[in-house]
Amino acid sequence: MTFFAPCAVLEMPRGPHPWGMRAQGLDEVRALLATRFEGIPNVRYSDDKHFVCGDRGVSEWLLTGTTRDGKAIRTRGCDLFEFQEGKIARKDSFWKIVEPRSDPLPEPAG
């Protein structure tokens, strides 16, 4: 939480609005971030890439884990950041919606 500005905004991928679920201020951001670990206790971010340009930044990642009801998750996503005075002022998260297919796709090489 020390990386977030006091007035930070966090927007999660899921929620009842076009922006997902939104939290504003450190207490709300902390509570909303905690839901990620409650819903996916063994959540792991890997295969990550990051860049910053001025007051904007991007983080790309692979999220893996298992939900509390036993569903395995493996999906690509990204976070878009806005910074103010070296702190995160806004973090907007996106991830791919993985849907089951009837015909199996081969795993990509590499």
N, C-alpha and C. Protein backbone atom coordinates (compact mmCIF):
# COMPACT_ATOMS: atom_id res chain seq x y z
N MET A 1 0.81 -1.19 0.00
CA MET A 1 0.00 0.00 0.00
C MET A 1 0.86 1.26 0.00
N THR A 2 2.11 1.13 0.37
CA THR A 2 2.99 2.30 0.40
C THR A 2 3.26 2.85 -1.00
N PHE A 3 2.96 2.07 -2.04
CA PHE A 3 3.17 2.52 -3.41
C PHE A 3 2.00 3.34 -3.94
N PHE A 4 0.88 3.35 -3.22
CA PHE A 4 -0.31 4.06 -3.67
C PHE A 4 -0.38 5.46 -3.07
N ALA A 5 -0.84 6.41 -3.88
CA ALA A 5 -1.10 7.77 -3.41
C ALA A 5 -2.34 7.74 -2.50
N PRO A 6 -2.45 8.65 -1.55
CA PRO A 6 -3.60 8.67 -0.64
C PRO A 6 -4.96 8.70 -1.34
N CYS A 7 -5.03 9.34 -2.50
CA CYS A 7 -6.31 9.45 -3.22
C CYS A 7 -6.40 8.42 -4.35
N ALA A 8 -5.64 7.33 -4.29
CA ALA A 8 -5.57 6.33 -5.36
C ALA A 8 -6.93 5.77 -5.74
N VAL A 9 -7.04 5.40 -7.01
CA VAL A 9 -8.22 4.73 -7.54
C VAL A 9 -7.78 3.37 -8.08
N LEU A 10 -8.54 2.34 -7.73
CA LEU A 10 -8.28 0.98 -8.23
C LEU A 10 -9.54 0.51 -8.94
N GLU A 11 -9.37 0.03 -10.17
CA GLU A 11 -10.50 -0.52 -10.93
C GLU A 11 -10.18 -1.96 -11.29
N MET A 12 -11.01 -2.87 -10.78
CA MET A 12 -10.81 -4.30 -10.99
C MET A 12 -11.58 -4.76 -12.23
N PRO A 13 -11.18 -5.88 -12.86
CA PRO A 13 -11.79 -6.31 -14.12
C PRO A 13 -13.27 -6.66 -14.01
N ARG A 14 -13.69 -7.22 -12.89
CA ARG A 14 -15.09 -7.64 -12.75
C ARG A 14 -15.87 -6.63 -11.94
N GLY A 15 -17.15 -6.55 -12.22
CA GLY A 15 -17.99 -5.68 -11.44
C GLY A 15 -19.24 -5.29 -12.20
N PRO A 16 -20.12 -4.55 -11.57
CA PRO A 16 -21.42 -4.22 -12.16
C PRO A 16 -21.39 -3.02 -13.11
N HIS A 17 -20.23 -2.43 -13.34
CA HIS A 17 -20.13 -1.23 -14.17
C HIS A 17 -19.17 -1.46 -15.33
N PRO A 18 -19.19 -0.62 -16.35
CA PRO A 18 -18.25 -0.78 -17.46
C PRO A 18 -16.79 -0.75 -17.01
N TRP A 19 -16.50 -0.10 -15.90
CA TRP A 19 -15.12 -0.03 -15.37
C TRP A 19 -14.86 -1.15 -14.37
N GLY A 20 -15.79 -2.06 -14.17
CA GLY A 20 -15.64 -3.15 -13.22
C GLY A 20 -16.07 -2.72 -11.84
N MET A 21 -15.23 -2.97 -10.86
CA MET A 21 -15.46 -2.54 -9.48
C MET A 21 -14.41 -1.49 -9.15
N ARG A 22 -14.83 -0.38 -8.57
CA ARG A 22 -13.91 0.74 -8.31
C ARG A 22 -13.79 0.98 -6.81
N ALA A 23 -12.56 1.24 -6.38
CA ALA A 23 -12.27 1.65 -5.00
C ALA A 23 -11.50 2.96 -5.07
N GLN A 24 -11.73 3.83 -4.09
CA GLN A 24 -11.02 5.10 -4.06
C GLN A 24 -10.55 5.38 -2.64
N GLY A 25 -9.29 5.78 -2.51
CA GLY A 25 -8.69 6.02 -1.21
C GLY A 25 -8.02 4.76 -0.70
N LEU A 26 -7.04 4.92 0.17
CA LEU A 26 -6.23 3.78 0.61
C LEU A 26 -7.03 2.68 1.29
N ASP A 27 -8.00 3.02 2.13
CA ASP A 27 -8.77 1.99 2.82
C ASP A 27 -9.59 1.16 1.84
N GLU A 28 -10.27 1.81 0.91
CA GLU A 28 -11.06 1.07 -0.08
C GLU A 28 -10.17 0.26 -1.01
N VAL A 29 -9.05 0.83 -1.44
CA VAL A 29 -8.13 0.11 -2.32
C VAL A 29 -7.60 -1.14 -1.62
N ARG A 30 -7.19 -1.01 -0.37
CA ARG A 30 -6.70 -2.16 0.40
C ARG A 30 -7.77 -3.25 0.48
N ALA A 31 -9.01 -2.86 0.78
CA ALA A 31 -10.11 -3.83 0.92
C ALA A 31 -10.40 -4.53 -0.41
N LEU A 32 -10.40 -3.77 -1.51
CA LEU A 32 -10.69 -4.38 -2.80
C LEU A 32 -9.55 -5.29 -3.25
N LEU A 33 -8.31 -4.90 -3.03
CA LEU A 33 -7.18 -5.77 -3.35
C LEU A 33 -7.24 -7.08 -2.56
N ALA A 34 -7.68 -7.01 -1.33
CA ALA A 34 -7.78 -8.20 -0.49
C ALA A 34 -8.74 -9.23 -1.08
N THR A 35 -9.76 -8.77 -1.81
CA THR A 35 -10.72 -9.71 -2.39
C THR A 35 -10.06 -10.62 -3.42
N ARG A 36 -9.00 -10.14 -4.09
CA ARG A 36 -8.28 -10.98 -5.06
C ARG A 36 -7.71 -12.20 -4.35
N PHE A 37 -7.13 -11.99 -3.17
CA PHE A 37 -6.51 -13.09 -2.43
C PHE A 37 -7.55 -13.95 -1.71
N GLU A 38 -8.68 -13.37 -1.37
CA GLU A 38 -9.77 -14.16 -0.77
C GLU A 38 -10.38 -15.11 -1.79
N GLY A 39 -10.60 -14.62 -3.02
CA GLY A 39 -11.23 -15.42 -4.06
C GLY A 39 -10.29 -16.42 -4.70
N ILE A 40 -9.00 -16.09 -4.76
CA ILE A 40 -7.98 -16.97 -5.35
C ILE A 40 -6.81 -17.01 -4.37
N PRO A 41 -6.91 -17.83 -3.32
CA PRO A 41 -5.91 -17.81 -2.26
C PRO A 41 -4.47 -18.05 -2.72
N ASN A 42 -4.29 -18.84 -3.77
CA ASN A 42 -2.94 -19.15 -4.25
C ASN A 42 -2.61 -18.37 -5.53
N VAL A 43 -3.21 -17.20 -5.69
CA VAL A 43 -2.99 -16.41 -6.89
C VAL A 43 -1.50 -16.15 -7.11
N ARG A 44 -1.09 -16.22 -8.37
CA ARG A 44 0.31 -15.99 -8.73
C ARG A 44 0.35 -15.20 -10.02
N TYR A 45 1.19 -14.18 -10.05
CA TYR A 45 1.43 -13.39 -11.25
C TYR A 45 2.83 -13.74 -11.75
N SER A 46 2.95 -14.09 -13.04
CA SER A 46 4.24 -14.46 -13.61
C SER A 46 4.31 -13.98 -15.06
N ASP A 47 5.39 -14.34 -15.75
CA ASP A 47 5.61 -13.95 -17.14
C ASP A 47 5.30 -12.47 -17.34
N ASP A 48 5.81 -11.65 -16.42
CA ASP A 48 5.45 -10.23 -16.41
C ASP A 48 6.44 -9.37 -17.19
N LYS A 49 5.90 -8.29 -17.73
CA LYS A 49 6.67 -7.26 -18.43
C LYS A 49 6.11 -5.92 -17.98
N HIS A 50 6.97 -4.93 -17.86
CA HIS A 50 6.54 -3.62 -17.36
C HIS A 50 7.23 -2.50 -18.12
N PHE A 51 6.56 -1.37 -18.23
CA PHE A 51 7.23 -0.17 -18.72
C PHE A 51 6.53 1.07 -18.18
N VAL A 52 7.29 2.13 -18.09
CA VAL A 52 6.78 3.43 -17.63
C VAL A 52 7.20 4.46 -18.66
N CYS A 53 6.29 5.37 -18.96
CA CYS A 53 6.57 6.47 -19.87
C CYS A 53 5.92 7.72 -19.27
N GLY A 54 6.74 8.58 -18.70
CA GLY A 54 6.20 9.77 -18.04
C GLY A 54 5.39 9.38 -16.82
N ASP A 55 4.14 9.81 -16.77
CA ASP A 55 3.29 9.51 -15.62
C ASP A 55 2.34 8.36 -15.89
N ARG A 56 2.66 7.53 -16.90
CA ARG A 56 1.84 6.36 -17.24
C ARG A 56 2.71 5.11 -17.20
N GLY A 57 2.09 3.98 -16.95
CA GLY A 57 2.82 2.72 -16.93
C GLY A 57 1.92 1.56 -17.29
N VAL A 58 2.53 0.44 -17.69
CA VAL A 58 1.80 -0.77 -18.05
C VAL A 58 2.52 -1.96 -17.44
N SER A 59 1.75 -2.89 -16.92
CA SER A 59 2.27 -4.17 -16.44
C SER A 59 1.47 -5.28 -17.11
N GLU A 60 2.16 -6.17 -17.83
CA GLU A 60 1.52 -7.32 -18.46
C GLU A 60 1.89 -8.55 -17.64
N TRP A 61 0.96 -9.51 -17.51
CA TRP A 61 1.23 -10.66 -16.66
C TRP A 61 0.35 -11.85 -17.02
N LEU A 62 0.72 -12.99 -16.46
CA LEU A 62 -0.08 -14.22 -16.52
C LEU A 62 -0.54 -14.50 -15.10
N LEU A 63 -1.85 -14.55 -14.90
CA LEU A 63 -2.42 -14.86 -13.59
C LEU A 63 -2.79 -16.33 -13.56
N THR A 64 -2.32 -17.04 -12.53
CA THR A 64 -2.70 -18.44 -12.33
C THR A 64 -3.13 -18.61 -10.88
N GLY A 65 -3.93 -19.61 -10.65
CA GLY A 65 -4.38 -19.92 -9.30
C GLY A 65 -5.62 -20.79 -9.33
N THR A 66 -6.16 -21.02 -8.16
CA THR A 66 -7.35 -21.86 -8.00
C THR A 66 -8.34 -21.11 -7.12
N THR A 67 -9.58 -21.02 -7.60
CA THR A 67 -10.61 -20.34 -6.81
C THR A 67 -10.98 -21.19 -5.60
N ARG A 68 -11.70 -20.60 -4.68
CA ARG A 68 -12.13 -21.33 -3.47
C ARG A 68 -12.99 -22.54 -3.80
N ASP A 69 -13.69 -22.51 -4.94
CA ASP A 69 -14.53 -23.66 -5.32
C ASP A 69 -13.79 -24.67 -6.20
N GLY A 70 -12.46 -24.50 -6.33
CA GLY A 70 -11.63 -25.49 -7.02
C GLY A 70 -11.42 -25.26 -8.50
N LYS A 71 -11.87 -24.16 -9.05
CA LYS A 71 -11.70 -23.89 -10.48
C LYS A 71 -10.30 -23.32 -10.73
N ALA A 72 -9.57 -23.97 -11.64
CA ALA A 72 -8.24 -23.49 -12.01
C ALA A 72 -8.37 -22.29 -12.94
N ILE A 73 -7.51 -21.30 -12.73
CA ILE A 73 -7.50 -20.10 -13.56
C ILE A 73 -6.11 -19.94 -14.15
N ARG A 74 -6.07 -19.61 -15.43
CA ARG A 74 -4.82 -19.31 -16.14
C ARG A 74 -5.21 -18.31 -17.22
N THR A 75 -4.87 -17.04 -17.04
CA THR A 75 -5.29 -16.01 -17.97
C THR A 75 -4.27 -14.88 -18.05
N ARG A 76 -4.18 -14.26 -19.21
CA ARG A 76 -3.30 -13.11 -19.41
C ARG A 76 -4.06 -11.85 -19.03
N GLY A 77 -3.32 -10.86 -18.57
CA GLY A 77 -3.94 -9.59 -18.23
C GLY A 77 -2.92 -8.48 -18.19
N CYS A 78 -3.41 -7.29 -17.88
CA CYS A 78 -2.53 -6.14 -17.78
C CYS A 78 -3.12 -5.12 -16.81
N ASP A 79 -2.26 -4.29 -16.29
CA ASP A 79 -2.66 -3.16 -15.46
C ASP A 79 -2.17 -1.90 -16.14
N LEU A 80 -3.03 -0.90 -16.20
CA LEU A 80 -2.66 0.42 -16.69
C LEU A 80 -2.53 1.32 -15.48
N PHE A 81 -1.42 2.03 -15.38
CA PHE A 81 -1.14 2.86 -14.22
C PHE A 81 -1.07 4.33 -14.59
N GLU A 82 -1.46 5.18 -13.66
CA GLU A 82 -1.20 6.62 -13.70
C GLU A 82 -0.48 6.96 -12.40
N PHE A 83 0.58 7.75 -12.49
CA PHE A 83 1.39 8.08 -11.33
C PHE A 83 1.30 9.58 -11.02
N GLN A 84 1.37 9.89 -9.74
CA GLN A 84 1.48 11.27 -9.27
C GLN A 84 2.54 11.30 -8.18
N GLU A 85 3.55 12.13 -8.40
CA GLU A 85 4.62 12.29 -7.42
C GLU A 85 5.23 10.95 -7.00
N GLY A 86 5.43 10.06 -7.98
CA GLY A 86 6.08 8.79 -7.74
C GLY A 86 5.20 7.71 -7.12
N LYS A 87 3.92 7.98 -6.95
CA LYS A 87 2.99 7.00 -6.35
C LYS A 87 1.91 6.63 -7.37
N ILE A 88 1.28 5.47 -7.16
CA ILE A 88 0.20 5.03 -8.03
C ILE A 88 -1.05 5.83 -7.69
N ALA A 89 -1.52 6.60 -8.66
CA ALA A 89 -2.75 7.38 -8.48
C ALA A 89 -3.95 6.62 -9.04
N ARG A 90 -3.69 5.75 -10.03
CA ARG A 90 -4.77 4.96 -10.62
C ARG A 90 -4.19 3.67 -11.14
N LYS A 91 -4.88 2.55 -10.83
CA LYS A 91 -4.51 1.23 -11.34
C LYS A 91 -5.78 0.63 -11.91
N ASP A 92 -5.77 0.39 -13.22
CA ASP A 92 -6.93 -0.14 -13.93
C ASP A 92 -6.54 -1.51 -14.46
N SER A 93 -7.19 -2.57 -13.97
CA SER A 93 -6.82 -3.95 -14.33
C SER A 93 -7.75 -4.52 -15.39
N PHE A 94 -7.15 -5.30 -16.28
CA PHE A 94 -7.89 -5.99 -17.34
C PHE A 94 -7.37 -7.43 -17.40
N TRP A 95 -8.26 -8.36 -17.75
CA TRP A 95 -7.78 -9.71 -18.05
C TRP A 95 -8.66 -10.38 -19.08
N LYS A 96 -8.05 -11.32 -19.79
CA LYS A 96 -8.75 -12.06 -20.83
C LYS A 96 -9.84 -12.92 -20.21
N ILE A 97 -10.94 -13.06 -20.92
CA ILE A 97 -12.02 -13.95 -20.51
C ILE A 97 -11.77 -15.27 -21.23
N VAL A 98 -11.43 -16.30 -20.47
CA VAL A 98 -11.12 -17.60 -21.04
C VAL A 98 -12.40 -18.44 -21.01
N GLU A 99 -12.83 -18.88 -22.19
CA GLU A 99 -14.05 -19.68 -22.31
C GLU A 99 -13.70 -21.08 -22.78
N PRO A 100 -14.40 -22.08 -22.25
CA PRO A 100 -14.14 -23.46 -22.71
C PRO A 100 -14.53 -23.63 -24.17
N ARG A 101 -13.77 -24.45 -24.86
CA ARG A 101 -14.05 -24.75 -26.27
C ARG A 101 -14.39 -26.20 -26.43
N SER A 102 -15.19 -26.52 -27.45
CA SER A 102 -15.51 -27.92 -27.72
C SER A 102 -14.40 -28.59 -28.51
N ASP A 103 -13.64 -27.80 -29.31
CA ASP A 103 -12.52 -28.36 -30.07
C ASP A 103 -11.22 -27.86 -29.44
N PRO A 104 -10.37 -28.76 -29.01
CA PRO A 104 -9.13 -28.33 -28.33
C PRO A 104 -8.20 -27.57 -29.25
N LEU A 105 -7.61 -26.52 -28.70
CA LEU A 105 -6.61 -25.75 -29.43
C LEU A 105 -5.22 -26.22 -29.02
N PRO A 106 -4.32 -26.31 -29.97
CA PRO A 106 -2.94 -26.68 -29.59
C PRO A 106 -2.30 -25.55 -28.80
N GLU A 107 -1.45 -25.90 -27.86
CA GLU A 107 -0.70 -24.89 -27.11
C GLU A 107 0.29 -24.23 -28.05
N PRO A 108 0.44 -22.90 -27.94
CA PRO A 108 1.40 -22.22 -28.81
C PRO A 108 2.84 -22.63 -28.48
N ALA A 109 3.68 -22.64 -29.50
CA ALA A 109 5.09 -22.98 -29.30
C ALA A 109 5.79 -21.86 -28.56
N GLY A 110 6.71 -22.23 -27.69
CA GLY A 110 7.55 -21.25 -27.01
C GLY A 110 6.89 -20.66 -25.89
